[in-house]
């Protein structure tokens, strides 16, 4: 049985991970607009 708090923290972690990935993608596009393999 998973506690609601742990579940919430896991969801928060996943959301933060996605935000970080998107931020990295945007950052790489700004740095190297020629390389659009991401």
PDB file of N, CA and C in Angstrom:
ATOM      1  N   UNK A   1       0.831  -1.207   0.000  1.00  0.00           N
ATOM      2  CA  UNK A   1       0.000   0.000   0.000  1.00  0.00           C
ATOM      3  C   UNK A   1       0.867   1.260   0.000  1.00  0.00           C
ATOM      4  N   UNK A   2       0.654   2.090  -0.997  1.00  0.00           N
ATOM      5  CA  UNK A   2       1.435   3.327  -1.112  1.00  0.00           C
ATOM      6  C   UNK A   2       0.701   4.465  -0.414  1.00  0.00           C
ATOM      7  N   UNK A   3       1.429   5.177   0.428  1.00  0.00           N
ATOM      8  CA  UNK A   3       0.843   6.331   1.126  1.00  0.00           C
ATOM      9  C   UNK A   3       0.613   7.469   0.129  1.00  0.00           C
ATOM     10  N   UNK A   4      -0.478   8.236   0.320  1.00  0.00           N
ATOM     11  CA  UNK A   4      -0.806   9.341  -0.593  1.00  0.00           C
ATOM     12  C   UNK A   4       0.322  10.362  -0.718  1.00  0.00           C
ATOM     13  N   UNK A   5       1.054  10.579   0.376  1.00  0.00           N
ATOM     14  CA  UNK A   5       2.133  11.570   0.360  1.00  0.00           C
ATOM     15  C   UNK A   5       3.259  11.107  -0.560  1.00  0.00           C
ATOM     16  N   UNK A   6       3.614   9.823  -0.463  1.00  0.00           N
ATOM     17  CA  UNK A   6       4.683   9.262  -1.297  1.00  0.00           C
ATOM     18  C   UNK A   6       4.268   9.321  -2.770  1.00  0.00           C
ATOM     19  N   UNK A   7       3.012   8.966  -3.019  1.00  0.00           N
ATOM     20  CA  UNK A   7       2.465   9.011  -4.386  1.00  0.00           C
ATOM     21  C   UNK A   7       2.566  10.430  -4.946  1.00  0.00           C
ATOM     22  N   UNK A   8       2.172  11.396  -4.132  1.00  0.00           N
ATOM     23  CA  UNK A   8       2.206  12.807  -4.531  1.00  0.00           C
ATOM     24  C   UNK A   8       3.626  13.243  -4.851  1.00  0.00           C
ATOM     25  N   UNK A   9       4.567  12.823  -4.007  1.00  0.00           N
ATOM     26  CA  UNK A   9       5.975  13.189  -4.211  1.00  0.00           C
ATOM     27  C   UNK A   9       6.511  12.585  -5.507  1.00  0.00           C
ATOM     28  N   UNK A  10       6.121  11.358  -5.791  1.00  0.00           N
ATOM     29  CA  UNK A  10       6.557  10.705  -7.026  1.00  0.00           C
ATOM     30  C   UNK A  10       6.023  11.431  -8.257  1.00  0.00           C
ATOM     31  N   UNK A  11       4.747  11.817  -8.197  1.00  0.00           N
ATOM     32  CA  UNK A  11       4.130  12.564  -9.297  1.00  0.00           C
ATOM     33  C   UNK A  11       4.848  13.898  -9.484  1.00  0.00           C
ATOM     34  N   UNK A  12       5.156  14.556  -8.362  1.00  0.00           N
ATOM     35  CA  UNK A  12       5.866  15.832  -8.404  1.00  0.00           C
ATOM     36  C   UNK A  12       7.243  15.656  -9.047  1.00  0.00           C
ATOM     37  N   UNK A  13       7.917  14.573  -8.687  1.00  0.00           N
ATOM     38  CA  UNK A  13       9.241  14.273  -9.244  1.00  0.00           C
ATOM     39  C   UNK A  13       9.162  14.102 -10.758  1.00  0.00           C
ATOM     40  N   UNK A  14       8.152  13.356 -11.213  1.00  0.00           N
ATOM     41  CA  UNK A  14       7.972  13.120 -12.641  1.00  0.00           C
ATOM     42  C   UNK A  14       7.697  14.425 -13.386  1.00  0.00           C
ATOM     43  N   UNK A  15       6.840  15.254 -12.807  1.00  0.00           N
ATOM     44  CA  UNK A  15       6.504  16.542 -13.423  1.00  0.00           C
ATOM     45  C   UNK A  15       7.742  17.425 -13.529  1.00  0.00           C
ATOM     46  N   UNK A  16       8.540  17.447 -12.449  1.00  0.00           N
ATOM     47  CA  UNK A  16       9.760  18.247 -12.444  1.00  0.00           C
ATOM     48  C   UNK A  16      10.748  17.718 -13.488  1.00  0.00           C
ATOM     49  N   UNK A  17      10.810  16.403 -13.629  1.00  0.00           N
ATOM     50  CA  UNK A  17      11.687  15.780 -14.616  1.00  0.00           C
ATOM     51  C   UNK A  17      11.306  16.191 -16.031  1.00  0.00           C
ATOM     52  N   UNK A  18      10.002  16.197 -16.312  1.00  0.00           N
ATOM     53  CA  UNK A  18       9.522  16.602 -17.630  1.00  0.00           C
ATOM     54  C   UNK A  18       9.847  18.063 -17.899  1.00  0.00           C
ATOM     55  N   UNK A  19       9.636  18.908 -16.896  1.00  0.00           N
ATOM     56  CA  UNK A  19       9.925  20.339 -17.037  1.00  0.00           C
ATOM     57  C   UNK A  19      11.405  20.543 -17.344  1.00  0.00           C
ATOM     58  N   UNK A  20      12.252  19.785 -16.643  1.00  0.00           N
ATOM     59  CA  UNK A  20      13.694  19.891 -16.826  1.00  0.00           C
ATOM     60  C   UNK A  20      14.082  19.474 -18.243  1.00  0.00           C
ATOM     61  N   UNK A  21      13.476  18.396 -18.734  1.00  0.00           N
ATOM     62  CA  UNK A  21      13.758  17.918 -20.090  1.00  0.00           C
ATOM     63  C   UNK A  21      13.388  18.969 -21.120  1.00  0.00           C
ATOM     64  N   UNK A  22      12.199  19.565 -20.955  1.00  0.00           N
ATOM     65  CA  UNK A  22      11.728  20.599 -21.879  1.00  0.00           C
ATOM     66  C   UNK A  22      12.663  21.805 -21.835  1.00  0.00           C
ATOM     67  N   UNK A  23      13.078  22.181 -20.623  1.00  0.00           N
ATOM     68  CA  UNK A  23      13.978  23.319 -20.444  1.00  0.00           C
ATOM     69  C   UNK A  23      15.309  23.055 -21.139  1.00  0.00           C
ATOM     70  N   UNK A  24      15.814  21.827 -21.012  1.00  0.00           N
ATOM     71  CA  UNK A  24      17.066  21.452 -21.659  1.00  0.00           C
ATOM     72  C   UNK A  24      16.931  21.504 -23.177  1.00  0.00           C
ATOM     73  N   UNK A  25      15.817  21.022 -23.680  1.00  0.00           N
ATOM     74  CA  UNK A  25      15.560  21.055 -25.127  1.00  0.00           C
ATOM     75  C   UNK A  25      15.590  22.485 -25.648  1.00  0.00           C
ATOM     76  N   UNK A  26      14.879  23.369 -24.957  1.00  0.00           N
ATOM     77  CA  UNK A  26      14.824  24.783 -25.342  1.00  0.00           C
ATOM     78  C   UNK A  26      16.217  25.396 -25.278  1.00  0.00           C
ATOM     79  N   UNK A  27      16.959  25.063 -24.222  1.00  0.00           N
ATOM     80  CA  UNK A  27      18.306  25.587 -24.033  1.00  0.00           C
ATOM     81  C   UNK A  27      19.227  25.147 -25.171  1.00  0.00           C
ATOM     82  N   UNK A  28      19.156  23.868 -25.531  1.00  0.00           N
ATOM     83  CA  UNK A  28      20.008  23.352 -26.596  1.00  0.00           C
ATOM     84  C   UNK A  28      19.653  23.977 -27.942  1.00  0.00           C
ATOM     85  N   UNK A  29      18.384  24.251 -28.154  1.00  0.00           N
ATOM     86  CA  UNK A  29      17.965  24.876 -29.411  1.00  0.00           C
ATOM     87  C   UNK A  29      18.513  26.297 -29.501  1.00  0.00           C
ATOM     88  N   UNK A  30      18.551  26.986 -28.359  1.00  0.00           N
ATOM     89  CA  UNK A  30      19.079  28.350 -28.327  1.00  0.00           C
ATOM     90  C   UNK A  30      20.585  28.356 -28.573  1.00  0.00           C
ATOM     91  N   UNK A  31      21.264  27.374 -27.959  1.00  0.00           N
ATOM     92  CA  UNK A  31      22.724  27.288 -28.080  1.00  0.00           C
ATOM     93  C   UNK A  31      23.121  26.841 -29.486  1.00  0.00           C
ATOM     94  N   UNK A  32      22.515  25.758 -29.953  1.00  0.00           N
ATOM     95  CA  UNK A  32      22.849  25.263 -31.285  1.00  0.00           C
ATOM     96  C   UNK A  32      21.587  25.049 -32.116  1.00  0.00           C
ATOM     97  N   UNK A  33      21.140  26.088 -32.828  1.00  0.00           N
ATOM     98  CA  UNK A  33      19.934  25.974 -33.652  1.00  0.00           C
ATOM     99  C   UNK A  33      20.137  25.108 -34.893  1.00  0.00           C
ATOM    100  N   UNK A  34      21.410  24.846 -35.241  1.00  0.00           N
ATOM    101  CA  UNK A  34      21.709  24.012 -36.406  1.00  0.00           C
ATOM    102  C   UNK A  34      21.393  22.549 -36.083  1.00  0.00           C
ATOM    103  N   UNK A  35      21.741  22.133 -34.879  1.00  0.00           N
ATOM    104  CA  UNK A  35      21.497  20.757 -34.450  1.00  0.00           C
ATOM    105  C   UNK A  35      20.107  20.636 -33.862  1.00  0.00           C
ATOM    106  N   UNK A  36      19.156  20.184 -34.652  1.00  0.00           N
ATOM    107  CA  UNK A  36      17.796  19.993 -34.165  1.00  0.00           C
ATOM    108  C   UNK A  36      17.446  18.517 -34.177  1.00  0.00           C
ATOM    109  N   UNK A  37      18.295  17.743 -33.505  1.00  0.00           N
ATOM    110  CA  UNK A  37      18.064  16.307 -33.425  1.00  0.00           C
ATOM    111  C   UNK A  37      17.301  15.953 -32.159  1.00  0.00           C
ATOM    112  N   UNK A  38      17.147  16.919 -31.249  1.00  0.00           N
ATOM    113  CA  UNK A  38      16.465  16.662 -29.985  1.00  0.00           C
ATOM    114  C   UNK A  38      14.950  16.684 -30.164  1.00  0.00           C
TER     115      UNK A  38
END
